[in-house]
Amino acid sequence: MSKLNRAFALVLATTAAAVASPALAGDCPTGQERANPLANAPTMPKGVTDTVIGSIDLGSEIGVRGRLLRTRRLVIEPGGIVPMHNHAGRPALIVTVSGQVTEHRSTCAVGIVHRAGDISREADGISHWWINEGREPVVLLSSDVFEMP
């Protein structure tokens, strides 16, 4: 294969991978990154169902004792709220399956909008809460590693 054909094949493969990959969202808009104490953040859930749809004991699976990998399905009704919480020791990836939801994060001065297909990375040092300001329910899939009770 010539150098030109290899370069073209590489460009095609990279483009296909980029188009096929979901968007990694959850980043604060440029210029809005700063501490946000989230004063008066809600502390109680409202209009949210949270269902565990699967889990794996990471101790028996890969030797990480006392931790589970779980996936939950959250449905946030219009006006619904996922209250203030943090991700200390509980990293997560959250996929917005349908709808649009706004996240208020301790590291951003403005709300971060998550749309269907977006993935949000939640890690240590982040505190946040979410609200559905739309007219349709929002469906999220949240996979996290957490300490077993």
C-alpha atoms as a PDB file:
ATOM      1  CA  MET A   1       0.000   0.000   0.000  1.00  0.00           C
ATOM      2  CA  SER A   2       1.435   3.399  -0.954  1.00  0.00           C
ATOM      3  CA  LYS A   3       2.057   6.145   1.613  1.00  0.00           C
ATOM      4  CA  LEU A   4      -0.820   8.159   0.143  1.00  0.00           C
ATOM      5  CA  ASN A   5      -3.226   5.211   0.404  1.00  0.00           C
ATOM      6  CA  ARG A   6      -2.132   4.521   4.000  1.00  0.00           C
ATOM      7  CA  ALA A   7      -2.621   8.179   4.915  1.00  0.00           C
ATOM      8  CA  PHE A   8      -6.056   8.185   3.291  1.00  0.00           C
ATOM      9  CA  ALA A   9      -7.004   4.962   5.112  1.00  0.00           C
ATOM     10  CA  LEU A  10      -5.839   6.473   8.416  1.00  0.00           C
ATOM     11  CA  VAL A  11      -7.925   9.611   7.834  1.00  0.00           C
ATOM     12  CA  LEU A  12     -10.975   7.482   6.976  1.00  0.00           C
ATOM     13  CA  ALA A  13     -10.531   5.288  10.059  1.00  0.00           C
ATOM     14  CA  THR A  14     -10.051   8.288  12.352  1.00  0.00           C
ATOM     15  CA  THR A  15     -13.090  10.050  10.915  1.00  0.00           C
ATOM     16  CA  ALA A  16     -15.221   6.915  11.247  1.00  0.00           C
ATOM     17  CA  ALA A  17     -14.146   6.476  14.872  1.00  0.00           C
ATOM     18  CA  ALA A  18     -14.914  10.107  15.676  1.00  0.00           C
ATOM     19  CA  VAL A  19     -18.345   9.956  14.069  1.00  0.00           C
ATOM     20  CA  ALA A  20     -19.184   6.627  15.729  1.00  0.00           C
ATOM     21  CA  SER A  21     -18.067   7.757  19.200  1.00  0.00           C
ATOM     22  CA  PRO A  22     -20.504   9.506  21.507  1.00  0.00           C
ATOM     23  CA  ALA A  23     -19.759  13.070  22.525  1.00  0.00           C
ATOM     24  CA  LEU A  24     -17.806  13.470  25.749  1.00  0.00           C
ATOM     25  CA  ALA A  25     -19.647  16.317  27.399  1.00  0.00           C
ATOM     26  CA  GLY A  26     -19.691  17.663  30.892  1.00  0.00           C
ATOM     27  CA  ASP A  27     -16.940  20.176  30.462  1.00  0.00           C
ATOM     28  CA  CYS A  28     -17.459  23.688  31.675  1.00  0.00           C
ATOM     29  CA  PRO A  29     -17.644  26.221  28.820  1.00  0.00           C
ATOM     30  CA  THR A  30     -14.366  27.979  28.103  1.00  0.00           C
ATOM     31  CA  GLY A  31     -13.809  30.947  30.396  1.00  0.00           C
ATOM     32  CA  GLN A  32     -16.392  29.777  32.949  1.00  0.00           C
ATOM     33  CA  GLU A  33     -14.115  27.462  34.951  1.00  0.00           C
ATOM     34  CA  ARG A  34     -13.950  28.670  38.554  1.00  0.00           C
ATOM     35  CA  ALA A  35     -14.965  27.662  42.044  1.00  0.00           C
ATOM     36  CA  ASN A  36     -18.706  27.714  42.571  1.00  0.00           C
ATOM     37  CA  PRO A  37     -19.851  27.054  46.150  1.00  0.00           C
ATOM     38  CA  LEU A  38     -23.339  26.101  44.899  1.00  0.00           C
ATOM     39  CA  ALA A  39     -25.015  28.033  47.707  1.00  0.00           C
ATOM     40  CA  ASN A  40     -28.635  27.010  48.265  1.00  0.00           C
ATOM     41  CA  ALA A  41     -28.241  23.856  46.164  1.00  0.00           C
ATOM     42  CA  PRO A  42     -31.129  21.411  46.625  1.00  0.00           C
ATOM     43  CA  THR A  43     -30.484  18.610  49.108  1.00  0.00           C
ATOM     44  CA  MET A  44     -33.543  16.437  48.451  1.00  0.00           C
ATOM     45  CA  PRO A  45     -34.479  14.570  45.270  1.00  0.00           C
ATOM     46  CA  LYS A  46     -37.595  15.573  43.385  1.00  0.00           C
ATOM     47  CA  GLY A  47     -39.252  13.694  40.517  1.00  0.00           C
ATOM     48  CA  VAL A  48     -36.422  11.178  40.100  1.00  0.00           C
ATOM     49  CA  THR A  49     -36.505   7.397  39.891  1.00  0.00           C
ATOM     50  CA  ASP A  50     -33.186   5.615  40.401  1.00  0.00           C
ATOM     51  CA  THR A  51     -33.052   1.921  39.501  1.00  0.00           C
ATOM     52  CA  VAL A  52     -29.963  -0.316  39.700  1.00  0.00           C
ATOM     53  CA  ILE A  53     -29.989  -2.365  36.503  1.00  0.00           C
ATOM     54  CA  GLY A  54     -26.743  -4.270  37.080  1.00  0.00           C
ATOM     55  CA  SER A  55     -23.695  -4.574  39.313  1.00  0.00           C
ATOM     56  CA  ILE A  56     -20.419  -6.459  39.572  1.00  0.00           C
ATOM     57  CA  ASP A  57     -18.453  -7.184  42.770  1.00  0.00           C
ATOM     58  CA  LEU A  58     -14.992  -5.923  41.822  1.00  0.00           C
ATOM     59  CA  GLY A  59     -13.398  -7.894  44.679  1.00  0.00           C
ATOM     60  CA  SER A  60     -14.244 -11.258  43.181  1.00  0.00           C
ATOM     61  CA  GLU A  61     -13.848 -10.003  39.625  1.00  0.00           C
ATOM     62  CA  ILE A  62     -10.497  -8.144  39.656  1.00  0.00           C
ATOM     63  CA  GLY A  63      -9.356  -8.096  43.293  1.00  0.00           C
ATOM     64  CA  VAL A  64     -10.574  -4.602  44.221  1.00  0.00           C
ATOM     65  CA  ARG A  65     -12.143  -5.566  47.533  1.00  0.00           C
ATOM     66  CA  GLY A  66     -15.102  -3.676  48.919  1.00  0.00           C
ATOM     67  CA  ARG A  67     -16.028  -1.995  45.623  1.00  0.00           C
ATOM     68  CA  LEU A  68     -18.863  -2.528  43.183  1.00  0.00           C
ATOM     69  CA  LEU A  69     -19.244  -1.421  39.591  1.00  0.00           C
ATOM     70  CA  ARG A  70     -22.916  -0.652  39.081  1.00  0.00           C
ATOM     71  CA  THR A  71     -25.110   0.781  36.373  1.00  0.00           C
ATOM     72  CA  ARG A  72     -28.276   2.676  37.237  1.00  0.00           C
ATOM     73  CA  ARG A  73     -31.118   4.059  35.150  1.00  0.00           C
ATOM     74  CA  LEU A  74     -32.291   7.455  36.328  1.00  0.00           C
ATOM     75  CA  VAL A  75     -35.442   9.090  35.012  1.00  0.00           C
ATOM     76  CA  ILE A  76     -35.781  12.787  35.840  1.00  0.00           C
ATOM     77  CA  GLU A  77     -39.268  14.154  35.284  1.00  0.00           C
ATOM     78  CA  PRO A  78     -39.791  17.758  34.090  1.00  0.00           C
ATOM     79  CA  GLY A  79     -38.857  19.978  37.036  1.00  0.00           C
ATOM     80  CA  GLY A  80     -37.116  17.001  38.660  1.00  0.00           C
ATOM     81  CA  ILE A  81     -33.908  17.350  40.639  1.00  0.00           C
ATOM     82  CA  VAL A  82     -30.958  15.079  41.408  1.00  0.00           C
ATOM     83  CA  PRO A  83     -29.800  16.789  44.629  1.00  0.00           C
ATOM     84  CA  MET A  84     -26.342  18.007  45.589  1.00  0.00           C
ATOM     85  CA  HIS A  85     -23.813  15.197  45.992  1.00  0.00           C
ATOM     86  CA  ASN A  86     -20.114  14.563  45.396  1.00  0.00           C
ATOM     87  CA  HIS A  87     -17.985  11.928  43.733  1.00  0.00           C
ATOM     88  CA  ALA A  88     -15.281  11.501  46.365  1.00  0.00           C
ATOM     89  CA  GLY A  89     -14.094   7.919  45.908  1.00  0.00           C
ATOM     90  CA  ARG A  90     -16.945   7.251  43.452  1.00  0.00           C
ATOM     91  CA  PRO A  91     -15.964   7.930  39.828  1.00  0.00           C
ATOM     92  CA  ALA A  92     -18.782   7.721  37.304  1.00  0.00           C
ATOM     93  CA  LEU A  93     -19.624   7.981  33.631  1.00  0.00           C
ATOM     94  CA  ILE A  94     -23.133   9.220  32.890  1.00  0.00           C
ATOM     95  CA  VAL A  95     -24.779   8.860  29.483  1.00  0.00           C
ATOM     96  CA  THR A  96     -27.737  11.078  28.631  1.00  0.00           C
ATOM     97  CA  VAL A  97     -29.982   8.617  26.794  1.00  0.00           C
ATOM     98  CA  SER A  98     -32.830  11.008  26.042  1.00  0.00           C
ATOM     99  CA  GLY A  99     -33.869  14.544  26.854  1.00  0.00           C
ATOM    100  CA  GLN A 100     -31.775  17.460  28.033  1.00  0.00           C
ATOM    101  CA  VAL A 101     -30.627  18.147  31.604  1.00  0.00           C
ATOM    102  CA  THR A 102     -28.637  20.939  33.261  1.00  0.00           C
ATOM    103  CA  GLU A 103     -25.823  20.181  35.696  1.00  0.00           C
ATOM    104  CA  HIS A 104     -24.682  22.727  38.287  1.00  0.00           C
ATOM    105  CA  ARG A 105     -21.080  21.903  39.195  1.00  0.00           C
ATOM    106  CA  SER A 106     -18.702  23.138  41.901  1.00  0.00           C
ATOM    107  CA  THR A 107     -16.050  23.905  39.284  1.00  0.00           C
ATOM    108  CA  CYS A 108     -18.143  25.972  36.847  1.00  0.00           C
ATOM    109  CA  ALA A 109     -19.831  29.385  37.081  1.00  0.00           C
ATOM    110  CA  VAL A 110     -22.681  28.427  34.720  1.00  0.00           C
ATOM    111  CA  GLY A 111     -24.939  25.415  34.222  1.00  0.00           C
ATOM    112  CA  ILE A 112     -23.671  22.684  31.912  1.00  0.00           C
ATOM    113  CA  VAL A 113     -26.278  21.368  29.461  1.00  0.00           C
ATOM    114  CA  HIS A 114     -26.204  17.639  28.664  1.00  0.00           C
ATOM    115  CA  ARG A 115     -28.094  16.434  25.587  1.00  0.00           C
ATOM    116  CA  ALA A 116     -29.004  12.955  24.359  1.00  0.00           C
ATOM    117  CA  GLY A 117     -25.837  11.084  23.388  1.00  0.00           C
ATOM    118  CA  ASP A 118     -23.538  13.089  25.671  1.00  0.00           C
ATOM    119  CA  ILE A 119     -21.276  11.415  28.227  1.00  0.00           C
ATOM    120  CA  SER A 120     -20.357  13.195  31.448  1.00  0.00           C
ATOM    121  CA  ARG A 121     -17.251  12.203  33.415  1.00  0.00           C
ATOM    122  CA  GLU A 122     -17.676  12.582  37.182  1.00  0.00           C
ATOM    123  CA  ALA A 123     -14.585  12.272  39.371  1.00  0.00           C
ATOM    124  CA  ASP A 124     -13.136  13.058  42.778  1.00  0.00           C
ATOM    125  CA  GLY A 125     -13.316  16.743  43.649  1.00  0.00           C
ATOM    126  CA  ILE A 126     -16.640  17.324  41.916  1.00  0.00           C
ATOM    127  CA  SER A 127     -19.809  18.270  43.760  1.00  0.00           C
ATOM    128  CA  HIS A 128     -22.899  18.911  41.698  1.00  0.00           C
ATOM    129  CA  TRP A 129     -26.656  18.714  41.240  1.00  0.00           C
ATOM    130  CA  TRP A 130     -28.859  18.275  38.158  1.00  0.00           C
ATOM    131  CA  ILE A 131     -32.235  19.689  37.092  1.00  0.00           C
ATOM    132  CA  ASN A 132     -34.584  18.899  34.209  1.00  0.00           C
ATOM    133  CA  GLU A 133     -35.801  22.296  33.023  1.00  0.00           C
ATOM    134  CA  GLY A 134     -37.478  20.822  29.951  1.00  0.00           C
ATOM    135  CA  ARG A 135     -40.924  19.450  29.160  1.00  0.00           C
ATOM    136  CA  GLU A 136     -39.914  15.817  28.614  1.00  0.00           C
ATOM    137  CA  PRO A 137     -38.449  13.254  31.031  1.00  0.00           C
ATOM    138  CA  VAL A 138     -34.677  12.828  30.920  1.00  0.00           C
ATOM    139  CA  VAL A 139     -33.203   9.318  30.964  1.00  0.00           C
ATOM    140  CA  LEU A 140     -29.642   8.817  32.208  1.00  0.00           C
ATOM    141  CA  LEU A 141     -27.490   5.696  32.503  1.00  0.00           C
ATOM    142  CA  SER A 142     -24.964   6.108  35.292  1.00  0.00           C
ATOM    143  CA  SER A 143     -22.105   3.654  35.796  1.00  0.00           C
ATOM    144  CA  ASP A 144     -20.013   4.164  38.907  1.00  0.00           C
ATOM    145  CA  VAL A 145     -17.512   2.427  41.150  1.00  0.00           C
ATOM    146  CA  PHE A 146     -18.536   2.719  44.764  1.00  0.00           C
ATOM    147  CA  GLU A 147     -17.777   1.338  48.195  1.00  0.00           C
ATOM    148  CA  MET A 148     -19.980  -1.540  49.242  1.00  0.00           C
ATOM    149  CA  PRO A 149     -22.116  -0.814  52.313  1.00  0.00           C
END
